[in-house]
All heavy atoms as atom14 arrays in JSON, in Angstrom:
{
  "sequence": "NAFSSPNYPKLAEVNTNIEYHKSFIHVEEPVKPLVVHDKMDDNIAIVK",
  "atom14_mask": [
    [1, 1, 1, 1, 1, 1, 1, 1, 0, 0, 0, 0, 0, 0],
    [1, 1, 1, 1, 1, 0, 0, 0, 0, 0, 0, 0, 0, 0],
    [1, 1, 1, 1, 1, 1, 1, 1, 1, 1, 1, 0, 0, 0],
    [1, 1, 1, 1, 1, 1, 0, 0, 0, 0, 0, 0, 0, 0],
    [1, 1, 1, 1, 1, 1, 0, 0, 0, 0, 0, 0, 0, 0],
    [1, 1, 1, 1, 1, 1, 1, 0, 0, 0, 0, 0, 0, 0],
    [1, 1, 1, 1, 1, 1, 1, 1, 0, 0, 0, 0, 0, 0],
    [1, 1, 1, 1, 1, 1, 1, 1, 1, 1, 1, 1, 0, 0],
    [1, 1, 1, 1, 1, 1, 1, 0, 0, 0, 0, 0, 0, 0],
    [1, 1, 1, 1, 1, 1, 1, 1, 1, 0, 0, 0, 0, 0],
    [1, 1, 1, 1, 1, 1, 1, 1, 0, 0, 0, 0, 0, 0],
    [1, 1, 1, 1, 1, 0, 0, 0, 0, 0, 0, 0, 0, 0],
    [1, 1, 1, 1, 1, 1, 1, 1, 1, 0, 0, 0, 0, 0],
    [1, 1, 1, 1, 1, 1, 1, 0, 0, 0, 0, 0, 0, 0],
    [1, 1, 1, 1, 1, 1, 1, 1, 0, 0, 0, 0, 0, 0],
    [1, 1, 1, 1, 1, 1, 1, 0, 0, 0, 0, 0, 0, 0],
    [1, 1, 1, 1, 1, 1, 1, 1, 0, 0, 0, 0, 0, 0],
    [1, 1, 1, 1, 1, 1, 1, 1, 0, 0, 0, 0, 0, 0],
    [1, 1, 1, 1, 1, 1, 1, 1, 1, 0, 0, 0, 0, 0],
    [1, 1, 1, 1, 1, 1, 1, 1, 1, 1, 1, 1, 0, 0],
    [1, 1, 1, 1, 1, 1, 1, 1, 1, 1, 0, 0, 0, 0],
    [1, 1, 1, 1, 1, 1, 1, 1, 1, 0, 0, 0, 0, 0],
    [1, 1, 1, 1, 1, 1, 0, 0, 0, 0, 0, 0, 0, 0],
    [1, 1, 1, 1, 1, 1, 1, 1, 1, 1, 1, 0, 0, 0],
    [1, 1, 1, 1, 1, 1, 1, 1, 0, 0, 0, 0, 0, 0],
    [1, 1, 1, 1, 1, 1, 1, 1, 1, 1, 0, 0, 0, 0],
    [1, 1, 1, 1, 1, 1, 1, 0, 0, 0, 0, 0, 0, 0],
    [1, 1, 1, 1, 1, 1, 1, 1, 1, 0, 0, 0, 0, 0],
    [1, 1, 1, 1, 1, 1, 1, 1, 1, 0, 0, 0, 0, 0],
    [1, 1, 1, 1, 1, 1, 1, 0, 0, 0, 0, 0, 0, 0],
    [1, 1, 1, 1, 1, 1, 1, 0, 0, 0, 0, 0, 0, 0],
    [1, 1, 1, 1, 1, 1, 1, 1, 1, 0, 0, 0, 0, 0],
    [1, 1, 1, 1, 1, 1, 1, 0, 0, 0, 0, 0, 0, 0],
    [1, 1, 1, 1, 1, 1, 1, 1, 0, 0, 0, 0, 0, 0],
    [1, 1, 1, 1, 1, 1, 1, 0, 0, 0, 0, 0, 0, 0],
    [1, 1, 1, 1, 1, 1, 1, 0, 0, 0, 0, 0, 0, 0],
    [1, 1, 1, 1, 1, 1, 1, 1, 1, 1, 0, 0, 0, 0],
    [1, 1, 1, 1, 1, 1, 1, 1, 0, 0, 0, 0, 0, 0],
    [1, 1, 1, 1, 1, 1, 1, 1, 1, 0, 0, 0, 0, 0],
    [1, 1, 1, 1, 1, 1, 1, 1, 0, 0, 0, 0, 0, 0],
    [1, 1, 1, 1, 1, 1, 1, 1, 0, 0, 0, 0, 0, 0],
    [1, 1, 1, 1, 1, 1, 1, 1, 0, 0, 0, 0, 0, 0],
    [1, 1, 1, 1, 1, 1, 1, 1, 0, 0, 0, 0, 0, 0],
    [1, 1, 1, 1, 1, 1, 1, 1, 0, 0, 0, 0, 0, 0],
    [1, 1, 1, 1, 1, 0, 0, 0, 0, 0, 0, 0, 0, 0],
    [1, 1, 1, 1, 1, 1, 1, 1, 0, 0, 0, 0, 0, 0],
    [1, 1, 1, 1, 1, 1, 1, 0, 0, 0, 0, 0, 0, 0],
    [1, 1, 1, 1, 1, 1, 1, 1, 1, 0, 0, 0, 0, 0]
  ],
  "atom14_positions": [
    [[18.2, -2.2, 84.87], [19.63, -1.72, 84.58], [20.16, -2.46, 83.29], [20.87, -3.61, 83.53], [20.61, -1.89, 85.64], [22.01, -1.19, 85.45], [22.18, -0.47, 84.67], [22.84, -1.57, 86.33], [0.0, 0.0, 0.0], [0.0, 0.0, 0.0], [0.0, 0.0, 0.0], [0.0, 0.0, 0.0], [0.0, 0.0, 0.0], [0.0, 0.0, 0.0]],
    [[19.8, -2.03, 82.12], [19.97, -2.8, 80.99], [21.34, -2.62, 80.17], [21.57, -3.45, 79.37], [18.92, -2.49, 79.99], [0.0, 0.0, 0.0], [0.0, 0.0, 0.0], [0.0, 0.0, 0.0], [0.0, 0.0, 0.0], [0.0, 0.0, 0.0], [0.0, 0.0, 0.0], [0.0, 0.0, 0.0], [0.0, 0.0, 0.0], [0.0, 0.0, 0.0]],
    [[22.11, -1.66, 80.59], [23.31, -1.36, 79.85], [24.57, -1.52, 80.59], [24.45, -1.38, 82.0], [23.19, 0.06, 79.22], [22.26, 0.11, 78.0], [20.92, 0.51, 78.27], [22.59, -0.01, 76.83], [19.92, 0.4, 77.26], [21.66, -0.03, 75.79], [20.26, 0.24, 76.05], [0.0, 0.0, 0.0], [0.0, 0.0, 0.0], [0.0, 0.0, 0.0]],
    [[25.64, -1.76, 79.98], [26.94, -1.86, 80.6], [28.04, -1.13, 79.82], [27.78, -1.01, 78.64], [27.39, -3.27, 80.86], [26.72, -4.03, 81.75], [0.0, 0.0, 0.0], [0.0, 0.0, 0.0], [0.0, 0.0, 0.0], [0.0, 0.0, 0.0], [0.0, 0.0, 0.0], [0.0, 0.0, 0.0], [0.0, 0.0, 0.0], [0.0, 0.0, 0.0]],
    [[29.08, -0.63, 80.47], [30.18, -0.04, 79.91], [31.43, -0.41, 80.59], [31.99, 0.27, 81.36], [30.06, 1.59, 80.0], [31.17, 2.25, 79.54], [0.0, 0.0, 0.0], [0.0, 0.0, 0.0], [0.0, 0.0, 0.0], [0.0, 0.0, 0.0], [0.0, 0.0, 0.0], [0.0, 0.0, 0.0], [0.0, 0.0, 0.0], [0.0, 0.0, 0.0]],
    [[31.87, -1.67, 80.27], [32.96, -2.36, 81.02], [34.3, -1.55, 80.76], [35.12, -1.82, 81.76], [32.94, -3.67, 80.49], [32.4, -3.72, 79.13], [31.49, -2.54, 79.22], [0.0, 0.0, 0.0], [0.0, 0.0, 0.0], [0.0, 0.0, 0.0], [0.0, 0.0, 0.0], [0.0, 0.0, 0.0], [0.0, 0.0, 0.0], [0.0, 0.0, 0.0]],
    [[34.58, -0.93, 79.77], [35.91, -0.41, 79.48], [35.93, 1.04, 79.59], [37.08, 1.59, 79.18], [36.33, -0.9, 78.1], [36.58, -2.34, 77.93], [37.34, -2.95, 78.77], [36.18, -2.94, 76.88], [0.0, 0.0, 0.0], [0.0, 0.0, 0.0], [0.0, 0.0, 0.0], [0.0, 0.0, 0.0], [0.0, 0.0, 0.0], [0.0, 0.0, 0.0]],
    [[34.95, 1.63, 80.07], [34.93, 3.07, 80.32], [34.06, 3.47, 81.51], [32.94, 2.99, 81.49], [34.55, 3.82, 79.01], [35.07, 5.33, 79.14], [36.49, 5.61, 78.93], [34.26, 6.35, 79.46], [36.93, 6.93, 78.9], [34.79, 7.76, 79.67], [36.04, 7.87, 79.36], [36.57, 9.27, 79.35], [0.0, 0.0, 0.0], [0.0, 0.0, 0.0]],
    [[34.59, 4.23, 82.49], [33.69, 4.64, 83.62], [32.42, 5.35, 83.38], [32.3, 5.87, 82.19], [34.62, 5.46, 84.43], [35.99, 5.25, 83.95], [35.88, 5.0, 82.56], [0.0, 0.0, 0.0], [0.0, 0.0, 0.0], [0.0, 0.0, 0.0], [0.0, 0.0, 0.0], [0.0, 0.0, 0.0], [0.0, 0.0, 0.0], [0.0, 0.0, 0.0]],
    [[31.54, 5.29, 84.23], [30.24, 6.17, 84.02], [30.64, 7.53, 84.03], [31.58, 8.04, 84.9], [29.25, 5.86, 85.2], [28.8, 4.41, 85.29], [28.15, 4.09, 86.58], [27.79, 2.69, 86.76], [27.17, 2.35, 88.22], [0.0, 0.0, 0.0], [0.0, 0.0, 0.0], [0.0, 0.0, 0.0], [0.0, 0.0, 0.0], [0.0, 0.0, 0.0]],
    [[29.82, 8.4, 83.37], [30.07, 9.86, 83.28], [29.26, 10.53, 84.44], [29.75, 11.53, 84.91], [29.64, 10.39, 81.91], [30.22, 9.81, 80.69], [29.83, 10.53, 79.49], [31.77, 9.75, 80.65], [0.0, 0.0, 0.0], [0.0, 0.0, 0.0], [0.0, 0.0, 0.0], [0.0, 0.0, 0.0], [0.0, 0.0, 0.0], [0.0, 0.0, 0.0]],
    [[28.2, 9.88, 84.89], [27.54, 10.46, 86.0], [26.63, 9.39, 86.55], [26.29, 8.39, 85.92], [26.66, 11.6, 85.42], [0.0, 0.0, 0.0], [0.0, 0.0, 0.0], [0.0, 0.0, 0.0], [0.0, 0.0, 0.0], [0.0, 0.0, 0.0], [0.0, 0.0, 0.0], [0.0, 0.0, 0.0], [0.0, 0.0, 0.0], [0.0, 0.0, 0.0]],
    [[26.32, 9.59, 87.87], [25.33, 8.79, 88.61], [24.29, 9.64, 89.3], [24.66, 10.69, 89.74], [26.04, 7.89, 89.61], [27.09, 7.05, 89.05], [27.82, 6.25, 89.95], [27.33, 5.21, 90.66], [28.97, 6.52, 90.36], [0.0, 0.0, 0.0], [0.0, 0.0, 0.0], [0.0, 0.0, 0.0], [0.0, 0.0, 0.0], [0.0, 0.0, 0.0]],
    [[23.07, 9.27, 89.15], [22.01, 10.08, 89.63], [21.48, 9.21, 91.03], [21.02, 8.06, 90.88], [20.82, 10.08, 88.8], [19.66, 10.82, 89.38], [21.33, 10.88, 87.42], [0.0, 0.0, 0.0], [0.0, 0.0, 0.0], [0.0, 0.0, 0.0], [0.0, 0.0, 0.0], [0.0, 0.0, 0.0], [0.0, 0.0, 0.0], [0.0, 0.0, 0.0]],
    [[21.61, 10.0, 92.13], [21.16, 9.4, 93.43], [20.17, 10.6, 93.99], [19.4, 11.05, 93.26], [22.21, 9.04, 94.33], [22.95, 7.84, 93.79], [22.37, 6.75, 93.7], [24.2, 7.93, 93.5], [0.0, 0.0, 0.0], [0.0, 0.0, 0.0], [0.0, 0.0, 0.0], [0.0, 0.0, 0.0], [0.0, 0.0, 0.0], [0.0, 0.0, 0.0]],
    [[20.47, 11.02, 95.08], [19.67, 12.22, 95.63], [20.16, 13.42, 94.87], [19.46, 14.42, 94.76], [19.86, 12.38, 97.22], [21.31, 12.4, 97.41], [19.33, 11.25, 97.96], [0.0, 0.0, 0.0], [0.0, 0.0, 0.0], [0.0, 0.0, 0.0], [0.0, 0.0, 0.0], [0.0, 0.0, 0.0], [0.0, 0.0, 0.0], [0.0, 0.0, 0.0]],
    [[21.38, 13.35, 94.43], [21.99, 14.41, 93.54], [22.5, 13.81, 92.24], [22.75, 12.5, 92.15], [23.09, 15.34, 94.25], [22.56, 16.01, 95.4], [21.66, 16.81, 95.31], [23.04, 15.65, 96.64], [0.0, 0.0, 0.0], [0.0, 0.0, 0.0], [0.0, 0.0, 0.0], [0.0, 0.0, 0.0], [0.0, 0.0, 0.0], [0.0, 0.0, 0.0]],
    [[22.8, 14.65, 91.22], [23.55, 14.15, 90.11], [24.93, 14.3, 90.35], [25.48, 15.43, 90.53], [23.1, 14.86, 88.86], [21.59, 14.72, 88.58], [23.86, 14.26, 87.62], [21.07, 15.53, 87.34], [0.0, 0.0, 0.0], [0.0, 0.0, 0.0], [0.0, 0.0, 0.0], [0.0, 0.0, 0.0], [0.0, 0.0, 0.0], [0.0, 0.0, 0.0]],
    [[25.79, 13.23, 90.37], [27.1, 13.32, 90.59], [27.92, 13.0, 89.3], [27.86, 11.97, 88.64], [27.63, 12.15, 91.56], [29.14, 12.16, 91.89], [29.58, 11.03, 92.83], [28.78, 10.32, 93.26], [30.79, 10.95, 92.97], [0.0, 0.0, 0.0], [0.0, 0.0, 0.0], [0.0, 0.0, 0.0], [0.0, 0.0, 0.0], [0.0, 0.0, 0.0]],
    [[28.58, 14.04, 88.77], [29.34, 13.99, 87.57], [30.8, 13.56, 87.8], [31.42, 14.15, 88.67], [29.23, 15.31, 86.76], [27.95, 15.86, 86.31], [27.17, 16.66, 87.08], [27.48, 15.33, 85.06], [25.81, 16.89, 86.62], [26.15, 15.68, 84.72], [25.47, 16.5, 85.41], [24.1, 16.81, 84.94], [0.0, 0.0, 0.0], [0.0, 0.0, 0.0]],
    [[31.23, 12.71, 87.03], [32.72, 12.31, 87.16], [33.32, 13.1, 86.02], [33.57, 12.53, 84.88], [32.78, 10.75, 86.93], [31.86, 9.98, 87.81], [31.86, 10.27, 89.24], [31.01, 8.95, 87.74], [30.94, 9.39, 89.86], [30.5, 8.62, 88.97], [0.0, 0.0, 0.0], [0.0, 0.0, 0.0], [0.0, 0.0, 0.0], [0.0, 0.0, 0.0]],
    [[33.81, 14.3, 86.44], [34.3, 15.16, 85.41], [35.43, 14.76, 84.6], [35.73, 15.12, 83.5], [34.55, 16.56, 86.08], [33.17, 17.17, 86.67], [33.42, 18.53, 87.33], [32.24, 19.1, 87.99], [32.38, 20.37, 88.73], [0.0, 0.0, 0.0], [0.0, 0.0, 0.0], [0.0, 0.0, 0.0], [0.0, 0.0, 0.0], [0.0, 0.0, 0.0]],
    [[36.37, 13.99, 85.27], [37.61, 13.62, 84.67], [37.48, 12.66, 83.51], [38.29, 12.47, 82.66], [38.69, 12.99, 85.59], [37.97, 11.9, 86.2], [0.0, 0.0, 0.0], [0.0, 0.0, 0.0], [0.0, 0.0, 0.0], [0.0, 0.0, 0.0], [0.0, 0.0, 0.0], [0.0, 0.0, 0.0], [0.0, 0.0, 0.0], [0.0, 0.0, 0.0]],
    [[36.17, 12.05, 83.4], [36.09, 11.18, 82.44], [35.05, 11.8, 81.18], [34.82, 11.09, 80.24], [35.2, 9.83, 82.95], [36.17, 9.16, 83.98], [35.61, 8.92, 85.23], [37.4, 8.72, 83.69], [36.44, 8.36, 86.23], [38.21, 8.11, 84.54], [37.68, 7.89, 85.87], [0.0, 0.0, 0.0], [0.0, 0.0, 0.0], [0.0, 0.0, 0.0]],
    [[34.68, 13.01, 81.47], [33.67, 13.64, 80.54], [34.41, 14.37, 79.5], [35.27, 15.22, 79.8], [32.76, 14.55, 81.23], [31.78, 13.69, 82.3], [31.76, 15.24, 80.26], [30.93, 14.52, 83.2], [0.0, 0.0, 0.0], [0.0, 0.0, 0.0], [0.0, 0.0, 0.0], [0.0, 0.0, 0.0], [0.0, 0.0, 0.0], [0.0, 0.0, 0.0]],
    [[34.1, 14.06, 78.18], [34.78, 14.92, 77.16], [34.44, 16.36, 77.15], [33.25, 16.68, 77.46], [34.38, 14.3, 75.79], [34.85, 15.12, 74.68], [36.05, 15.06, 74.13], [34.12, 16.03, 73.87], [36.23, 15.87, 73.1], [35.01, 16.55, 72.88], [0.0, 0.0, 0.0], [0.0, 0.0, 0.0], [0.0, 0.0, 0.0], [0.0, 0.0, 0.0]],
    [[35.5, 17.24, 76.98], [35.26, 18.61, 76.89], [35.67, 19.05, 75.52], [36.85, 18.8, 75.15], [36.03, 19.39, 78.0], [35.82, 20.87, 77.79], [35.5, 18.93, 79.32], [0.0, 0.0, 0.0], [0.0, 0.0, 0.0], [0.0, 0.0, 0.0], [0.0, 0.0, 0.0], [0.0, 0.0, 0.0], [0.0, 0.0, 0.0], [0.0, 0.0, 0.0]],
    [[34.84, 19.71, 74.68], [35.08, 20.12, 73.39], [35.72, 21.5, 73.41], [35.06, 22.57, 73.51], [33.96, 20.11, 72.44], [34.14, 20.42, 71.03], [35.01, 19.3, 70.24], [34.98, 18.18, 70.79], [35.57, 19.76, 69.33], [0.0, 0.0, 0.0], [0.0, 0.0, 0.0], [0.0, 0.0, 0.0], [0.0, 0.0, 0.0], [0.0, 0.0, 0.0]],
    [[37.1, 21.67, 73.38], [37.79, 23.01, 73.4], [38.93, 22.94, 72.34], [39.69, 22.03, 72.29], [38.27, 23.22, 74.77], [37.36, 23.51, 75.82], [37.92, 23.78, 77.25], [39.13, 23.46, 77.39], [37.33, 24.33, 77.97], [0.0, 0.0, 0.0], [0.0, 0.0, 0.0], [0.0, 0.0, 0.0], [0.0, 0.0, 0.0], [0.0, 0.0, 0.0]],
    [[38.85, 23.98, 71.52], [37.94, 25.05, 71.48], [36.65, 24.61, 70.7], [36.84, 23.48, 69.92], [38.66, 26.12, 70.59], [39.68, 25.23, 69.81], [40.12, 24.26, 70.6], [0.0, 0.0, 0.0], [0.0, 0.0, 0.0], [0.0, 0.0, 0.0], [0.0, 0.0, 0.0], [0.0, 0.0, 0.0], [0.0, 0.0, 0.0], [0.0, 0.0, 0.0]],
    [[35.53, 25.27, 71.04], [34.26, 24.82, 70.28], [34.41, 25.19, 68.84], [34.77, 26.28, 68.46], [33.12, 25.52, 70.96], [31.78, 25.14, 70.2], [32.91, 24.99, 72.49], [0.0, 0.0, 0.0], [0.0, 0.0, 0.0], [0.0, 0.0, 0.0], [0.0, 0.0, 0.0], [0.0, 0.0, 0.0], [0.0, 0.0, 0.0], [0.0, 0.0, 0.0]],
    [[34.22, 24.19, 67.96], [34.25, 24.35, 66.54], [32.77, 24.21, 65.98], [31.89, 23.64, 66.6], [35.14, 23.45, 65.81], [36.56, 23.51, 66.48], [37.41, 22.23, 65.68], [38.82, 22.18, 66.41], [39.55, 21.15, 65.93], [0.0, 0.0, 0.0], [0.0, 0.0, 0.0], [0.0, 0.0, 0.0], [0.0, 0.0, 0.0], [0.0, 0.0, 0.0]],
    [[32.59, 24.64, 64.76], [31.3, 24.37, 64.17], [30.95, 22.96, 64.05], [31.82, 22.2, 63.73], [31.31, 25.0, 62.77], [32.49, 26.01, 62.94], [33.38, 25.4, 63.89], [0.0, 0.0, 0.0], [0.0, 0.0, 0.0], [0.0, 0.0, 0.0], [0.0, 0.0, 0.0], [0.0, 0.0, 0.0], [0.0, 0.0, 0.0], [0.0, 0.0, 0.0]],
    [[29.75, 22.56, 64.36], [29.26, 21.11, 64.18], [29.38, 20.72, 62.66], [28.89, 21.48, 61.76], [27.85, 20.96, 64.69], [27.24, 19.61, 64.62], [27.88, 18.62, 65.58], [25.77, 19.58, 64.83], [0.0, 0.0, 0.0], [0.0, 0.0, 0.0], [0.0, 0.0, 0.0], [0.0, 0.0, 0.0], [0.0, 0.0, 0.0], [0.0, 0.0, 0.0]],
    [[29.89, 19.48, 62.43], [29.89, 18.93, 61.13], [29.05, 17.69, 61.12], [29.33, 16.85, 62.05], [31.39, 18.64, 60.65], [31.27, 17.95, 59.3], [32.16, 19.73, 60.66], [0.0, 0.0, 0.0], [0.0, 0.0, 0.0], [0.0, 0.0, 0.0], [0.0, 0.0, 0.0], [0.0, 0.0, 0.0], [0.0, 0.0, 0.0], [0.0, 0.0, 0.0]],
    [[28.04, 17.68, 60.41], [27.1, 16.52, 60.38], [27.43, 15.81, 59.08], [27.24, 16.25, 57.92], [25.6, 16.94, 60.3], [24.78, 15.81, 60.26], [25.36, 17.83, 61.46], [0.0, 0.0, 0.0], [0.0, 0.0, 0.0], [0.0, 0.0, 0.0], [0.0, 0.0, 0.0], [0.0, 0.0, 0.0], [0.0, 0.0, 0.0], [0.0, 0.0, 0.0]],
    [[27.93, 14.53, 59.24], [28.27, 13.73, 58.15], [27.07, 13.02, 57.53], [26.17, 12.66, 58.34], [29.41, 12.73, 58.52], [30.71, 13.32, 58.84], [31.6, 13.73, 57.98], [31.17, 13.74, 60.14], [32.64, 14.28, 58.56], [32.53, 14.29, 59.89], [0.0, 0.0, 0.0], [0.0, 0.0, 0.0], [0.0, 0.0, 0.0], [0.0, 0.0, 0.0]],
    [[27.0, 12.76, 56.32], [25.8, 12.19, 55.83], [26.13, 10.91, 54.99], [25.35, 10.68, 54.02], [25.02, 13.28, 54.87], [25.82, 13.91, 53.72], [27.0, 13.35, 53.61], [25.38, 14.67, 53.13], [0.0, 0.0, 0.0], [0.0, 0.0, 0.0], [0.0, 0.0, 0.0], [0.0, 0.0, 0.0], [0.0, 0.0, 0.0], [0.0, 0.0, 0.0]],
    [[27.23, 10.3, 55.17], [27.64, 9.09, 54.4], [28.04, 7.92, 55.24], [28.91, 8.26, 56.01], [28.74, 9.37, 53.29], [28.16, 10.4, 52.1], [29.36, 10.53, 51.12], [28.98, 11.27, 49.93], [28.65, 12.68, 50.3], [0.0, 0.0, 0.0], [0.0, 0.0, 0.0], [0.0, 0.0, 0.0], [0.0, 0.0, 0.0], [0.0, 0.0, 0.0]],
    [[27.49, 6.75, 55.04], [27.94, 5.59, 55.68], [27.81, 4.46, 54.71], [27.09, 4.48, 53.72], [26.94, 5.17, 56.85], [27.01, 6.28, 58.03], [26.15, 5.69, 59.59], [27.43, 4.89, 60.42], [0.0, 0.0, 0.0], [0.0, 0.0, 0.0], [0.0, 0.0, 0.0], [0.0, 0.0, 0.0], [0.0, 0.0, 0.0], [0.0, 0.0, 0.0]],
    [[28.68, 3.47, 54.82], [28.72, 2.33, 53.93], [28.54, 1.1, 54.66], [29.32, 0.78, 55.51], [30.07, 2.27, 53.08], [30.11, 1.32, 51.93], [29.34, 0.35, 52.11], [30.89, 1.36, 51.07], [0.0, 0.0, 0.0], [0.0, 0.0, 0.0], [0.0, 0.0, 0.0], [0.0, 0.0, 0.0], [0.0, 0.0, 0.0], [0.0, 0.0, 0.0]],
    [[27.31, 0.49, 54.43], [27.02, -0.73, 55.14], [27.48, -2.11, 54.54], [27.02, -3.09, 54.94], [25.55, -0.71, 55.5], [24.66, -0.87, 54.22], [25.22, -0.98, 53.12], [23.32, -0.77, 54.31], [0.0, 0.0, 0.0], [0.0, 0.0, 0.0], [0.0, 0.0, 0.0], [0.0, 0.0, 0.0], [0.0, 0.0, 0.0], [0.0, 0.0, 0.0]],
    [[28.39, -2.11, 53.63], [28.99, -3.13, 53.04], [30.07, -3.94, 53.97], [31.18, -4.0, 53.6], [29.55, -2.94, 51.71], [28.56, -2.76, 50.64], [27.76, -3.58, 50.2], [28.49, -1.45, 50.22], [0.0, 0.0, 0.0], [0.0, 0.0, 0.0], [0.0, 0.0, 0.0], [0.0, 0.0, 0.0], [0.0, 0.0, 0.0], [0.0, 0.0, 0.0]],
    [[29.47, -4.31, 55.14], [30.47, -5.04, 56.09], [29.57, -6.26, 56.66], [28.47, -6.52, 56.34], [30.69, -4.07, 57.36], [29.51, -3.75, 58.17], [31.29, -2.66, 56.88], [29.67, -3.22, 59.43], [0.0, 0.0, 0.0], [0.0, 0.0, 0.0], [0.0, 0.0, 0.0], [0.0, 0.0, 0.0], [0.0, 0.0, 0.0], [0.0, 0.0, 0.0]],
    [[30.39, -7.12, 57.37], [29.88, -8.32, 57.95], [30.33, -8.47, 59.33], [31.44, -7.83, 59.62], [30.17, -9.44, 57.09], [0.0, 0.0, 0.0], [0.0, 0.0, 0.0], [0.0, 0.0, 0.0], [0.0, 0.0, 0.0], [0.0, 0.0, 0.0], [0.0, 0.0, 0.0], [0.0, 0.0, 0.0], [0.0, 0.0, 0.0], [0.0, 0.0, 0.0]],
    [[29.75, -9.14, 60.14], [30.17, -9.64, 61.53], [30.31, -11.16, 61.51], [29.36, -11.84, 61.11], [29.15, -9.17, 62.64], [28.94, -7.55, 62.69], [29.73, -9.61, 64.01], [27.91, -7.17, 63.69], [0.0, 0.0, 0.0], [0.0, 0.0, 0.0], [0.0, 0.0, 0.0], [0.0, 0.0, 0.0], [0.0, 0.0, 0.0], [0.0, 0.0, 0.0]],
    [[31.55, -11.61, 61.85], [31.73, -13.04, 61.91], [32.1, -13.36, 63.36], [33.15, -12.8, 63.91], [32.84, -13.49, 61.0], [33.21, -14.87, 61.32], [32.44, -13.3, 59.59], [0.0, 0.0, 0.0], [0.0, 0.0, 0.0], [0.0, 0.0, 0.0], [0.0, 0.0, 0.0], [0.0, 0.0, 0.0], [0.0, 0.0, 0.0], [0.0, 0.0, 0.0]],
    [[31.35, -14.12, 64.05], [31.66, -14.49, 65.39], [32.29, -15.92, 65.38], [31.65, -16.99, 64.96], [30.34, -14.51, 66.36], [30.72, -14.95, 67.75], [29.46, -14.72, 68.64], [29.86, -15.01, 70.09], [28.71, -14.63, 70.94], [0.0, 0.0, 0.0], [0.0, 0.0, 0.0], [0.0, 0.0, 0.0], [0.0, 0.0, 0.0], [0.0, 0.0, 0.0]]
  ]
}
């Protein structure tokens, strides 16, 4: 169990069945054409 999501609930859990937590799952309505962006700028830094 390598990952955590402390500030947002799980979307689903798999046991004997797949239990979906529907109130937390994003629903895209109305459905629009997918837009694939192709620009990112990596001129950033992280300071701890």
